[in-house]
Amino acid sequence: MSNVNHPKHYNTGKIEVIDAIEAWNLSFCDGNAIKYIARHKHKGHPVEDLKKAKWYLERLIQQYEQENQIENKNK
């Protein structure tokens, strides 16, 4: 197994996270949040990875809130 193409923490279980992200057509922030959540137990730094996921989730929330403000102004 290659540390570049298929690191051990990428292949826990039956599905690589990237395959799910692509199949679900997730955005960059969606995909990264899912990636960090899915792998947090397998890389040795669970809290750090969960904080990274939280950062992406907070960014997504901000994006949705901004879109909502723009939509509400246009009504």
N, C-alpha and C. Protein backbone atom coordinates (compact mmCIF):
# COMPACT_ATOMS: atom_id res chain seq x y z
N MET A 1 0.84 -1.18 0.00
CA MET A 1 0.00 0.00 0.00
C MET A 1 0.89 1.24 0.00
N SER A 2 0.55 2.23 -0.79
CA SER A 2 1.35 3.43 -0.93
C SER A 2 0.93 4.50 0.08
N ASN A 3 1.90 5.16 0.68
CA ASN A 3 1.60 6.25 1.60
C ASN A 3 1.08 7.48 0.88
N VAL A 4 1.22 7.53 -0.43
CA VAL A 4 0.70 8.65 -1.21
C VAL A 4 -0.71 8.34 -1.71
N ASN A 5 -0.89 7.21 -2.35
CA ASN A 5 -2.17 6.88 -2.97
C ASN A 5 -3.18 6.25 -2.03
N HIS A 6 -2.73 5.44 -1.13
CA HIS A 6 -3.66 4.72 -0.26
C HIS A 6 -3.07 4.51 1.14
N PRO A 7 -2.87 5.61 1.89
CA PRO A 7 -2.36 5.45 3.25
C PRO A 7 -3.30 4.59 4.08
N LYS A 8 -2.76 3.96 5.10
CA LYS A 8 -3.54 3.04 5.92
C LYS A 8 -4.81 3.69 6.47
N HIS A 9 -4.73 4.96 6.93
CA HIS A 9 -5.91 5.60 7.52
C HIS A 9 -6.96 5.96 6.46
N TYR A 10 -6.63 5.85 5.17
CA TYR A 10 -7.62 6.07 4.12
C TYR A 10 -8.49 4.84 3.90
N ASN A 11 -8.01 3.69 4.30
CA ASN A 11 -8.64 2.42 3.94
C ASN A 11 -9.17 1.65 5.13
N THR A 12 -9.78 2.32 6.06
CA THR A 12 -10.38 1.64 7.19
C THR A 12 -11.82 1.35 6.83
N GLY A 13 -12.20 0.10 6.83
CA GLY A 13 -13.55 -0.26 6.43
C GLY A 13 -13.59 -0.63 4.95
N LYS A 14 -14.77 -0.61 4.39
CA LYS A 14 -14.97 -1.07 3.01
C LYS A 14 -14.93 0.04 1.98
N ILE A 15 -15.06 1.30 2.42
CA ILE A 15 -15.18 2.42 1.49
C ILE A 15 -14.11 3.46 1.80
N GLU A 16 -13.41 3.92 0.75
CA GLU A 16 -12.52 5.06 0.94
C GLU A 16 -13.39 6.30 0.99
N VAL A 17 -13.07 7.20 1.89
CA VAL A 17 -13.87 8.41 2.08
C VAL A 17 -13.99 9.20 0.78
N ILE A 18 -12.94 9.26 0.00
CA ILE A 18 -12.98 10.02 -1.24
C ILE A 18 -14.05 9.48 -2.19
N ASP A 19 -14.25 8.17 -2.18
CA ASP A 19 -15.28 7.58 -3.04
C ASP A 19 -16.67 8.04 -2.63
N ALA A 20 -16.92 8.11 -1.34
CA ALA A 20 -18.22 8.60 -0.85
C ALA A 20 -18.39 10.08 -1.18
N ILE A 21 -17.35 10.87 -0.96
CA ILE A 21 -17.41 12.31 -1.24
C ILE A 21 -17.73 12.56 -2.71
N GLU A 22 -17.07 11.83 -3.59
CA GLU A 22 -17.32 11.99 -5.02
C GLU A 22 -18.70 11.49 -5.42
N ALA A 23 -19.12 10.35 -4.88
CA ALA A 23 -20.43 9.78 -5.20
C ALA A 23 -21.56 10.71 -4.76
N TRP A 24 -21.34 11.42 -3.65
CA TRP A 24 -22.36 12.32 -3.12
C TRP A 24 -22.25 13.73 -3.69
N ASN A 25 -21.27 13.97 -4.57
CA ASN A 25 -21.04 15.29 -5.17
C ASN A 25 -20.94 16.39 -4.12
N LEU A 26 -20.14 16.15 -3.10
CA LEU A 26 -20.00 17.13 -2.03
C LEU A 26 -19.04 18.25 -2.43
N SER A 27 -19.28 19.41 -1.84
CA SER A 27 -18.39 20.56 -2.07
C SER A 27 -17.08 20.34 -1.31
N PHE A 28 -16.15 21.23 -1.53
CA PHE A 28 -14.84 21.15 -0.87
C PHE A 28 -15.00 21.11 0.66
N CYS A 29 -15.76 22.06 1.21
CA CYS A 29 -15.92 22.13 2.66
C CYS A 29 -16.71 20.93 3.20
N ASP A 30 -17.78 20.54 2.50
CA ASP A 30 -18.53 19.35 2.91
C ASP A 30 -17.61 18.13 2.96
N GLY A 31 -16.88 17.95 1.88
CA GLY A 31 -16.00 16.79 1.77
C GLY A 31 -14.92 16.76 2.83
N ASN A 32 -14.32 17.91 3.11
CA ASN A 32 -13.28 17.95 4.12
C ASN A 32 -13.83 17.67 5.51
N ALA A 33 -15.00 18.19 5.82
CA ALA A 33 -15.61 17.91 7.13
C ALA A 33 -15.84 16.41 7.27
N ILE A 34 -16.41 15.79 6.23
CA ILE A 34 -16.66 14.35 6.26
C ILE A 34 -15.35 13.58 6.38
N LYS A 35 -14.36 14.00 5.63
CA LYS A 35 -13.05 13.33 5.63
C LYS A 35 -12.44 13.33 7.04
N TYR A 36 -12.41 14.49 7.67
CA TYR A 36 -11.80 14.56 8.99
C TYR A 36 -12.59 13.79 10.04
N ILE A 37 -13.91 13.81 9.94
CA ILE A 37 -14.73 13.04 10.88
C ILE A 37 -14.50 11.55 10.68
N ALA A 38 -14.52 11.11 9.43
CA ALA A 38 -14.38 9.69 9.13
C ALA A 38 -13.03 9.12 9.55
N ARG A 39 -11.98 9.92 9.48
CA ARG A 39 -10.63 9.41 9.74
C ARG A 39 -10.08 9.76 11.12
N HIS A 40 -10.84 10.50 11.93
CA HIS A 40 -10.27 11.02 13.17
C HIS A 40 -9.75 9.96 14.13
N LYS A 41 -10.28 8.77 14.09
CA LYS A 41 -9.84 7.71 15.01
C LYS A 41 -8.62 6.95 14.49
N HIS A 42 -8.19 7.22 13.28
CA HIS A 42 -7.20 6.35 12.64
C HIS A 42 -5.85 7.00 12.37
N LYS A 43 -5.68 8.27 12.71
CA LYS A 43 -4.43 8.96 12.39
C LYS A 43 -3.60 9.30 13.62
N GLY A 44 -4.15 9.09 14.81
CA GLY A 44 -3.39 9.36 16.02
C GLY A 44 -3.61 10.72 16.64
N HIS A 45 -4.42 11.57 16.02
CA HIS A 45 -4.70 12.92 16.53
C HIS A 45 -6.20 13.18 16.44
N PRO A 46 -7.02 12.43 17.18
CA PRO A 46 -8.48 12.55 16.99
C PRO A 46 -9.04 13.93 17.29
N VAL A 47 -8.60 14.57 18.34
CA VAL A 47 -9.15 15.88 18.69
C VAL A 47 -8.77 16.92 17.63
N GLU A 48 -7.54 16.86 17.17
CA GLU A 48 -7.09 17.79 16.13
C GLU A 48 -7.93 17.63 14.86
N ASP A 49 -8.16 16.39 14.46
CA ASP A 49 -8.96 16.16 13.25
C ASP A 49 -10.41 16.58 13.44
N LEU A 50 -10.96 16.38 14.62
CA LEU A 50 -12.33 16.83 14.88
C LEU A 50 -12.41 18.35 14.88
N LYS A 51 -11.37 19.01 15.37
CA LYS A 51 -11.34 20.48 15.31
C LYS A 51 -11.25 20.96 13.87
N LYS A 52 -10.52 20.24 13.03
CA LYS A 52 -10.46 20.59 11.61
C LYS A 52 -11.84 20.43 10.98
N ALA A 53 -12.52 19.35 11.29
CA ALA A 53 -13.88 19.13 10.78
C ALA A 53 -14.80 20.25 11.24
N LYS A 54 -14.67 20.63 12.49
CA LYS A 54 -15.49 21.73 13.05
C LYS A 54 -15.23 23.03 12.29
N TRP A 55 -13.97 23.28 11.96
CA TRP A 55 -13.61 24.50 11.22
C TRP A 55 -14.35 24.53 9.89
N TYR A 56 -14.33 23.40 9.17
CA TYR A 56 -15.03 23.33 7.88
C TYR A 56 -16.54 23.44 8.06
N LEU A 57 -17.09 22.85 9.10
CA LEU A 57 -18.53 22.96 9.35
C LEU A 57 -18.91 24.40 9.67
N GLU A 58 -18.09 25.09 10.46
CA GLU A 58 -18.38 26.49 10.78
C GLU A 58 -18.31 27.35 9.52
N ARG A 59 -17.38 27.05 8.65
CA ARG A 59 -17.28 27.79 7.39
C ARG A 59 -18.53 27.56 6.54
N LEU A 60 -19.00 26.31 6.48
CA LEU A 60 -20.23 26.01 5.74
C LEU A 60 -21.43 26.76 6.32
N ILE A 61 -21.52 26.78 7.63
CA ILE A 61 -22.62 27.49 8.29
C ILE A 61 -22.58 28.97 7.90
N GLN A 62 -21.40 29.56 7.94
CA GLN A 62 -21.26 30.97 7.56
C GLN A 62 -21.69 31.19 6.11
N GLN A 63 -21.31 30.28 5.23
CA GLN A 63 -21.70 30.41 3.82
C GLN A 63 -23.21 30.37 3.67
N TYR A 64 -23.86 29.43 4.35
CA TYR A 64 -25.32 29.34 4.27
C TYR A 64 -25.99 30.57 4.88
N GLU A 65 -25.45 31.05 5.97
CA GLU A 65 -26.03 32.25 6.60
C GLU A 65 -25.89 33.45 5.67
N GLN A 66 -24.75 33.59 5.02
CA GLN A 66 -24.55 34.70 4.09
C GLN A 66 -25.49 34.58 2.89
N GLU A 67 -25.65 33.37 2.37
CA GLU A 67 -26.57 33.16 1.25
C GLU A 67 -27.99 33.52 1.67
N ASN A 68 -28.37 33.15 2.88
CA ASN A 68 -29.70 33.45 3.40
C ASN A 68 -29.91 34.96 3.50
N GLN A 69 -28.89 35.68 3.95
CA GLN A 69 -29.00 37.14 4.07
C GLN A 69 -29.19 37.77 2.70
N ILE A 70 -28.46 37.27 1.72
CA ILE A 70 -28.58 37.80 0.36
C ILE A 70 -29.96 37.49 -0.19
N GLU A 71 -30.45 36.26 0.02
CA GLU A 71 -31.78 35.88 -0.45
C GLU A 71 -32.86 36.72 0.21
N ASN A 72 -32.71 36.96 1.52
CA ASN A 72 -33.72 37.74 2.24
C ASN A 72 -33.73 39.20 1.79
N LYS A 73 -32.58 39.74 1.41
CA LYS A 73 -32.51 41.12 0.92
C LYS A 73 -33.16 41.26 -0.45
N ASN A 74 -33.09 40.17 -1.22
CA ASN A 74 -33.65 40.21 -2.59
C ASN A 74 -35.15 39.97 -2.62
N LYS A 75 -35.75 39.67 -1.51
CA LYS A 75 -37.21 39.41 -1.47
C LYS A 75 -37.99 40.68 -1.35
